Amino acid sequence: MLEDVLAIPDHLRDALWRLEGARIQPADSAGVLVCGVGGSAIGADLAAAVLGDRLSAPLLTVRGAELPSWATADWTALCVSYSGATEETLACFDAAGALGMRRIAVTTGGTLVERARGAGVPVVGLPGILQAPRSSVAYVLVVTAEVAALSGAAPRIHDEIEAAAAGLEARVEELRSRAAAIAPRLTGTLPTMIGAGPTAPAARRWKAQVNENAKLPAFFSELPEADHNELSGWGGAPAGTPLSVVLLEDGDAGPGERRRFELTAEAIESQGVRVERISSPGESRTERLLAAVMLGDLVSLLIAEERGVDPLPIDAITELKEALGRP
């Protein structure tokens, strides 16, 4: 798992190469629906955050087995499943086909590849050597951003992705050092990750990685919404409950947003809760968001190591799928 995290810069470059090999043709769309769950969905969320106000059409994530009721044939459906067997993604793939949507599949193989090839749908192949589907987040980010460009929904950011890969490589030791300092302060606590705007999906990723890698409960939220309700609750936890908050800030945030983070941190700390403020470094939004992702992944693995748990197995998830009769 650690090797996969440290290889994220290589994943970015490899994803660009794999897209070229897929030979996806440009075709303007009303927008892009990214159909996937777990690591597939968060990669799409990160792509939407990276593109931000550069989007000229919607880029939306569908976390479920049904497309929106308003979806029409002029949308593009990007169907992502690392295994190729995700029930929700397969259902959306079939529904998009029934509507006449342009479809693109992203997977390592399985049923999704079989259905895509049978329907003449292009496939972007993911490497099957990753330790877990959650390690494919950088691949999904790149594929989503590039498909958005090929669908006329955003400009191409190929050069920004290449530069981000180089920047992240140069920051690896810095990120490992920061993770080593942060992890002990979160170990033994119930953490909530809070982002704002572009860092909101990074906060969601931190939460999910603590869940899956460290096998611990964790939560996420975002500003400014959290300031309108959650601030009232931090002081009400039962005595002795070890709480912590991670505030993920964009290193390029404006003074108003920085001030909101500062005041939010003060308000939470005044109620006896530990707060970690983290500003993500980087020259571009792509680099900053992926630096935040890498940092969170590293922190989750260090917490897992401290607890003596193996980050790879996800027995509770597997058992639930089996009980539901799903692959």
Protein backbone atom coordinates (compact mmCIF):
# COMPACT_ATOMS: atom_id res chain seq x y z
CA MET A 1 0.00 0.00 0.00
CA LEU A 2 2.83 2.38 0.83
CA GLU A 3 4.45 1.72 -2.54
CA ASP A 4 1.16 2.52 -4.28
CA VAL A 5 0.86 5.85 -2.44
CA LEU A 6 4.42 6.87 -3.23
CA ALA A 7 3.87 5.89 -6.88
CA ILE A 8 1.03 8.39 -7.41
CA PRO A 9 3.26 10.61 -9.62
CA ASP A 10 3.92 7.59 -11.84
CA HIS A 11 0.21 6.76 -11.85
CA LEU A 12 -0.54 10.21 -13.26
CA ARG A 13 1.88 9.74 -16.16
CA ASP A 14 0.75 6.15 -16.80
CA ALA A 15 -2.89 7.24 -16.87
CA LEU A 16 -2.14 9.78 -19.61
CA TRP A 17 -0.38 7.06 -21.62
CA ARG A 18 -3.26 4.62 -21.19
CA LEU A 19 -5.74 7.25 -22.37
CA GLU A 20 -3.75 7.77 -25.54
CA GLY A 21 -3.88 4.03 -26.15
CA ALA A 22 -7.66 3.94 -25.74
CA ARG A 23 -8.05 6.26 -28.77
CA ILE A 24 -11.18 7.96 -27.49
CA GLN A 25 -12.57 10.35 -30.08
CA PRO A 26 -13.69 13.88 -29.15
CA ALA A 27 -17.46 14.40 -29.09
CA ASP A 28 -19.25 17.33 -27.49
CA SER A 29 -21.67 16.35 -24.71
CA ALA A 30 -24.15 18.10 -22.45
CA GLY A 31 -21.99 16.94 -19.56
CA VAL A 32 -20.24 13.92 -18.08
CA LEU A 33 -21.68 11.46 -15.57
CA VAL A 34 -19.00 9.44 -13.79
CA CYS A 35 -20.57 6.21 -12.54
CA GLY A 36 -18.68 4.52 -9.72
CA VAL A 37 -18.37 4.03 -5.98
CA GLY A 38 -15.54 4.09 -3.46
CA GLY A 39 -12.13 4.99 -4.88
CA SER A 40 -13.62 5.36 -8.35
CA ALA A 41 -16.09 7.98 -7.20
CA ILE A 42 -13.61 10.01 -5.17
CA GLY A 43 -11.25 10.17 -8.15
CA ALA A 44 -14.06 11.76 -10.15
CA ASP A 45 -14.82 14.20 -7.33
CA LEU A 46 -11.16 15.23 -7.27
CA ALA A 47 -11.19 15.77 -11.03
CA ALA A 48 -14.22 18.05 -10.73
CA ALA A 49 -12.45 20.01 -7.99
CA VAL A 50 -9.26 20.28 -10.06
CA LEU A 51 -11.18 21.63 -13.05
CA GLY A 52 -13.35 23.92 -10.91
CA ASP A 53 -14.41 27.05 -12.75
CA ARG A 54 -12.72 25.80 -15.91
CA LEU A 55 -15.69 23.49 -16.46
CA SER A 56 -18.07 24.66 -19.18
CA ALA A 57 -20.54 21.79 -18.65
CA PRO A 58 -21.49 19.63 -15.64
CA LEU A 59 -19.15 16.90 -14.38
CA LEU A 60 -21.13 14.84 -11.87
CA THR A 61 -20.48 11.68 -9.86
CA VAL A 62 -23.19 9.00 -9.69
CA ARG A 63 -22.76 6.89 -6.55
CA GLY A 64 -25.46 4.32 -7.07
CA ALA A 65 -27.17 1.95 -9.48
CA GLU A 66 -29.45 4.49 -11.18
CA LEU A 67 -28.75 7.40 -13.47
CA PRO A 68 -30.46 10.74 -12.70
CA SER A 69 -34.03 10.86 -14.01
CA TRP A 70 -33.14 13.86 -16.17
CA ALA A 71 -30.23 12.13 -17.96
CA THR A 72 -30.54 12.13 -21.75
CA ALA A 73 -28.70 10.75 -24.77
CA ASP A 74 -26.56 13.86 -25.19
CA TRP A 75 -24.56 13.13 -22.01
CA THR A 76 -21.40 11.03 -21.74
CA ALA A 77 -21.32 8.18 -19.19
CA LEU A 78 -17.86 7.34 -17.85
CA CYS A 79 -18.31 3.98 -16.11
CA VAL A 80 -15.53 3.12 -13.65
CA SER A 81 -14.99 -0.16 -11.80
CA TYR A 82 -11.54 -1.41 -10.88
CA SER A 83 -12.67 -5.04 -10.78
CA GLY A 84 -15.14 -4.70 -13.62
CA ALA A 85 -17.74 -6.38 -11.41
CA THR A 86 -19.19 -3.47 -9.41
CA GLU A 87 -22.94 -3.95 -9.51
CA GLU A 88 -23.79 -0.25 -9.40
CA THR A 89 -21.41 0.61 -12.24
CA LEU A 90 -22.67 -2.22 -14.43
CA ALA A 91 -26.27 -1.11 -13.88
CA CYS A 92 -25.39 2.44 -14.91
CA PHE A 93 -23.48 1.17 -17.95
CA ASP A 94 -26.57 -0.70 -19.13
CA ALA A 95 -28.89 2.22 -18.36
CA ALA A 96 -26.67 4.64 -20.27
CA GLY A 97 -26.72 2.28 -23.24
CA ALA A 98 -30.50 2.09 -23.15
CA LEU A 99 -30.65 5.90 -23.27
CA GLY A 100 -28.26 6.05 -26.21
CA MET A 101 -25.51 7.84 -24.29
CA ARG A 102 -21.92 7.85 -25.35
CA ARG A 103 -20.17 5.44 -22.99
CA ILE A 104 -16.55 4.93 -21.90
CA ALA A 105 -15.43 2.13 -19.57
CA VAL A 106 -12.52 2.27 -17.12
CA THR A 107 -11.50 -1.04 -15.53
CA THR A 108 -8.99 -3.87 -15.25
CA GLY A 109 -11.32 -6.39 -16.87
CA GLY A 110 -14.29 -8.49 -15.79
CA THR A 111 -17.90 -8.10 -16.86
CA LEU A 112 -17.54 -4.40 -17.64
CA VAL A 113 -14.91 -5.13 -20.31
CA GLU A 114 -17.03 -7.92 -21.76
CA ARG A 115 -20.07 -5.68 -22.05
CA ALA A 116 -18.05 -2.75 -23.36
CA ARG A 117 -16.36 -4.77 -26.08
CA GLY A 118 -19.65 -6.36 -27.05
CA ALA A 119 -21.15 -2.89 -27.50
CA GLY A 120 -18.14 -1.33 -29.22
CA VAL A 121 -17.48 0.95 -26.24
CA PRO A 122 -13.89 2.20 -25.72
CA VAL A 123 -12.08 0.88 -22.66
CA VAL A 124 -9.34 2.58 -20.66
CA GLY A 125 -7.44 -0.25 -19.02
CA LEU A 126 -6.28 0.14 -15.43
CA PRO A 127 -3.21 -1.74 -14.14
CA GLY A 128 -4.14 -4.91 -12.30
CA ILE A 129 -1.06 -4.77 -10.07
CA LEU A 130 -2.34 -2.20 -7.57
CA GLN A 131 -2.74 -3.47 -4.01
CA ALA A 132 -6.37 -2.36 -3.79
CA PRO A 133 -8.97 -0.52 -5.91
CA ARG A 134 -8.61 2.50 -3.62
CA SER A 135 -5.05 2.87 -4.93
CA SER A 136 -6.38 3.80 -8.40
CA VAL A 137 -7.51 7.29 -7.35
CA ALA A 138 -4.91 9.15 -9.45
CA TYR A 139 -5.81 7.09 -12.53
CA VAL A 140 -9.49 7.93 -12.17
CA LEU A 141 -8.75 11.63 -11.64
CA VAL A 142 -6.71 11.81 -14.85
CA VAL A 143 -9.13 9.76 -16.95
CA THR A 144 -12.08 11.84 -15.73
CA ALA A 145 -10.35 15.14 -16.45
CA GLU A 146 -9.28 14.01 -19.91
CA VAL A 147 -12.72 12.61 -20.78
CA ALA A 148 -14.26 15.91 -19.67
CA ALA A 149 -11.96 17.64 -22.17
CA LEU A 150 -12.78 15.15 -24.93
CA SER A 151 -16.48 15.76 -24.23
CA GLY A 152 -16.18 19.53 -24.59
CA ALA A 153 -16.84 20.09 -20.89
CA ALA A 154 -13.42 21.47 -19.95
CA PRO A 155 -10.04 22.45 -21.37
CA ARG A 156 -7.35 19.78 -21.49
CA ILE A 157 -4.97 19.92 -18.51
CA HIS A 158 -2.43 17.39 -19.78
CA ASP A 159 0.53 19.72 -19.11
CA GLU A 160 -0.73 20.56 -15.61
CA ILE A 161 -0.95 16.86 -14.78
CA GLU A 162 2.60 16.26 -16.03
CA ALA A 163 3.89 19.18 -13.97
CA ALA A 164 1.99 17.96 -10.91
CA ALA A 165 3.63 14.55 -11.22
CA ALA A 166 7.07 16.16 -11.18
CA GLY A 167 6.13 18.42 -8.27
CA LEU A 168 4.79 15.55 -6.19
CA GLU A 169 7.93 13.52 -6.79
CA ALA A 170 9.97 16.38 -5.40
CA ARG A 171 7.73 16.57 -2.31
CA VAL A 172 7.69 12.89 -1.34
CA GLU A 173 10.06 13.21 1.61
CA GLU A 174 8.33 16.39 2.79
CA LEU A 175 4.97 14.62 2.75
CA ARG A 176 6.35 11.57 4.57
CA SER A 177 7.83 13.83 7.26
CA ARG A 178 4.55 15.72 7.70
CA ALA A 179 2.60 12.46 7.89
CA ALA A 180 4.95 11.15 10.58
CA ALA A 181 4.24 14.26 12.65
CA ILE A 182 0.46 14.26 12.13
CA ALA A 183 -0.37 10.56 12.57
CA PRO A 184 0.57 10.28 16.28
CA ARG A 185 -1.65 13.25 17.08
CA LEU A 186 -4.66 11.60 15.42
CA THR A 187 -4.04 8.06 16.68
CA GLY A 188 -6.52 7.17 19.40
CA THR A 189 -8.99 9.88 18.40
CA LEU A 190 -12.23 9.95 16.43
CA PRO A 191 -11.32 12.29 13.55
CA THR A 192 -13.47 14.48 11.35
CA MET A 193 -11.90 15.82 8.17
CA ILE A 194 -13.14 19.19 6.97
CA GLY A 195 -12.40 20.79 3.60
CA ALA A 196 -13.75 23.74 1.65
CA GLY A 197 -14.37 24.05 -2.07
CA PRO A 198 -11.60 22.14 -3.86
CA THR A 199 -10.36 20.46 -0.67
CA ALA A 200 -13.77 18.97 0.23
CA PRO A 201 -13.17 15.77 -1.83
CA ALA A 202 -9.68 15.52 -0.33
CA ALA A 203 -11.31 15.55 3.12
CA ARG A 204 -13.64 12.78 1.98
CA ARG A 205 -10.63 10.78 0.78
CA TRP A 206 -8.87 11.20 4.16
CA LYS A 207 -11.98 9.91 5.91
CA ALA A 208 -12.30 6.88 3.62
CA GLN A 209 -8.62 5.98 3.95
CA VAL A 210 -8.78 6.03 7.75
CA ASN A 211 -11.86 3.79 7.48
CA GLU A 212 -10.32 1.26 5.10
CA ASN A 213 -6.61 1.38 5.92
CA ALA A 214 -6.67 1.98 9.68
CA LYS A 215 -10.02 0.19 10.25
CA LEU A 216 -11.37 3.10 12.32
CA PRO A 217 -14.47 5.28 12.24
CA ALA A 218 -13.88 8.72 10.76
CA PHE A 219 -16.08 11.43 9.26
CA PHE A 220 -15.86 14.33 6.84
CA SER A 221 -17.56 17.66 6.33
CA GLU A 222 -17.03 20.91 4.47
CA LEU A 223 -17.05 24.64 5.00
CA PRO A 224 -18.98 26.87 5.08
CA GLU A 225 -21.81 24.40 5.86
CA ALA A 226 -20.05 23.00 8.94
CA ASP A 227 -19.98 26.48 10.46
CA HIS A 228 -23.78 26.62 10.32
CA ASN A 229 -24.45 23.50 12.41
CA GLU A 230 -21.48 21.40 13.55
CA LEU A 231 -19.85 24.16 15.61
CA SER A 232 -22.68 23.84 18.09
CA GLY A 233 -21.98 20.16 18.68
CA TRP A 234 -18.26 19.91 19.34
CA GLY A 235 -18.56 20.68 23.03
CA GLY A 236 -21.37 18.19 23.61
CA ALA A 237 -19.51 14.90 23.27
CA PRO A 238 -19.54 12.63 26.36
CA ALA A 239 -16.65 13.29 28.72
CA GLY A 240 -13.53 11.40 27.72
CA THR A 241 -14.46 11.01 24.05
CA PRO A 242 -11.19 11.59 22.14
CA LEU A 243 -12.17 13.85 19.23
CA SER A 244 -9.98 15.50 16.62
CA VAL A 245 -10.52 17.67 13.54
CA VAL A 246 -8.35 17.95 10.44
CA LEU A 247 -8.87 21.18 8.52
CA LEU A 248 -7.66 20.80 4.93
CA GLU A 249 -6.94 24.16 3.31
CA ASP A 250 -6.02 24.95 -0.27
CA GLY A 251 -2.58 26.56 -0.27
CA ASP A 252 -3.91 29.10 -2.80
CA ALA A 253 -7.03 30.02 -0.82
CA GLY A 254 -8.01 33.68 -0.63
CA PRO A 255 -7.82 35.74 2.57
CA GLY A 256 -11.54 35.33 3.29
CA GLU A 257 -11.36 31.55 3.22
CA ARG A 258 -8.15 31.50 5.26
CA ARG A 259 -9.84 33.67 7.86
CA ARG A 260 -12.83 31.30 7.98
CA PHE A 261 -10.51 28.35 8.61
CA GLU A 262 -8.68 30.28 11.32
CA LEU A 263 -11.88 31.24 13.14
CA THR A 264 -13.33 27.74 12.74
CA ALA A 265 -10.17 26.24 14.26
CA GLU A 266 -10.36 28.64 17.20
CA ALA A 267 -14.05 27.86 17.78
CA ILE A 268 -13.49 24.09 17.79
CA GLU A 269 -10.35 24.26 19.94
CA SER A 270 -12.20 26.39 22.49
CA GLN A 271 -14.49 23.39 23.06
CA GLY A 272 -11.58 21.14 23.98
CA VAL A 273 -11.11 19.40 20.61
CA ARG A 274 -7.71 18.92 18.99
CA VAL A 275 -7.40 20.61 15.59
CA GLU A 276 -4.83 19.95 12.86
CA ARG A 277 -4.64 22.69 10.22
CA ILE A 278 -3.09 21.47 6.98
CA SER A 279 -2.37 23.68 3.98
CA SER A 280 -1.64 21.66 0.85
CA PRO A 281 1.47 22.73 -1.09
CA GLY A 282 1.86 22.89 -4.86
CA GLU A 283 2.07 25.11 -7.91
CA SER A 284 -1.31 24.12 -9.37
CA ARG A 285 -4.63 22.98 -8.00
CA THR A 286 -3.92 19.50 -9.35
CA GLU A 287 -0.64 19.28 -7.46
CA ARG A 288 -2.10 20.71 -4.25
CA LEU A 289 -5.09 18.36 -4.17
CA LEU A 290 -2.97 15.30 -4.89
CA ALA A 291 -0.44 16.38 -2.26
CA ALA A 292 -3.34 16.45 0.20
CA VAL A 293 -4.42 12.98 -0.99
CA MET A 294 -0.93 11.55 -0.64
CA LEU A 295 -0.53 13.07 2.80
CA GLY A 296 -3.83 11.62 3.98
CA ASP A 297 -3.02 8.21 2.57
CA LEU A 298 0.35 8.22 4.36
CA VAL A 299 -1.25 9.30 7.63
CA SER A 300 -3.84 6.51 7.42
CA LEU A 301 -1.12 3.90 6.84
CA LEU A 302 0.91 5.17 9.81
CA ILE A 303 -2.18 4.98 12.04
CA ALA A 304 -2.75 1.42 10.79
CA GLU A 305 0.86 0.57 11.61
CA GLU A 306 0.54 2.05 15.09
CA ARG A 307 -2.59 -0.03 15.68
CA GLY A 308 -0.96 -3.17 14.29
CA VAL A 309 -3.62 -3.72 11.61
CA ASP A 310 -3.20 -4.78 7.99
CA PRO A 311 -4.57 -2.03 5.71
CA LEU A 312 -5.33 -4.40 2.82
CA PRO A 313 -8.26 -6.60 4.00
CA ILE A 314 -11.74 -5.06 4.06
CA ASP A 315 -13.56 -8.00 5.63
CA ALA A 316 -16.64 -6.08 6.77
CA ILE A 317 -17.25 -4.76 3.25
CA THR A 318 -16.64 -8.16 1.68
CA GLU A 319 -19.03 -9.87 4.11
CA LEU A 320 -21.76 -7.33 3.40
CA LYS A 321 -21.41 -7.83 -0.36
CA GLU A 322 -21.63 -11.60 0.10
CA ALA A 323 -24.76 -11.22 2.23
CA LEU A 324 -26.28 -9.08 -0.52
CA GLY A 325 -25.28 -11.66 -3.14
CA ARG A 326 -22.95 -9.25 -4.92
CA PRO A 327 -19.43 -9.78 -6.33
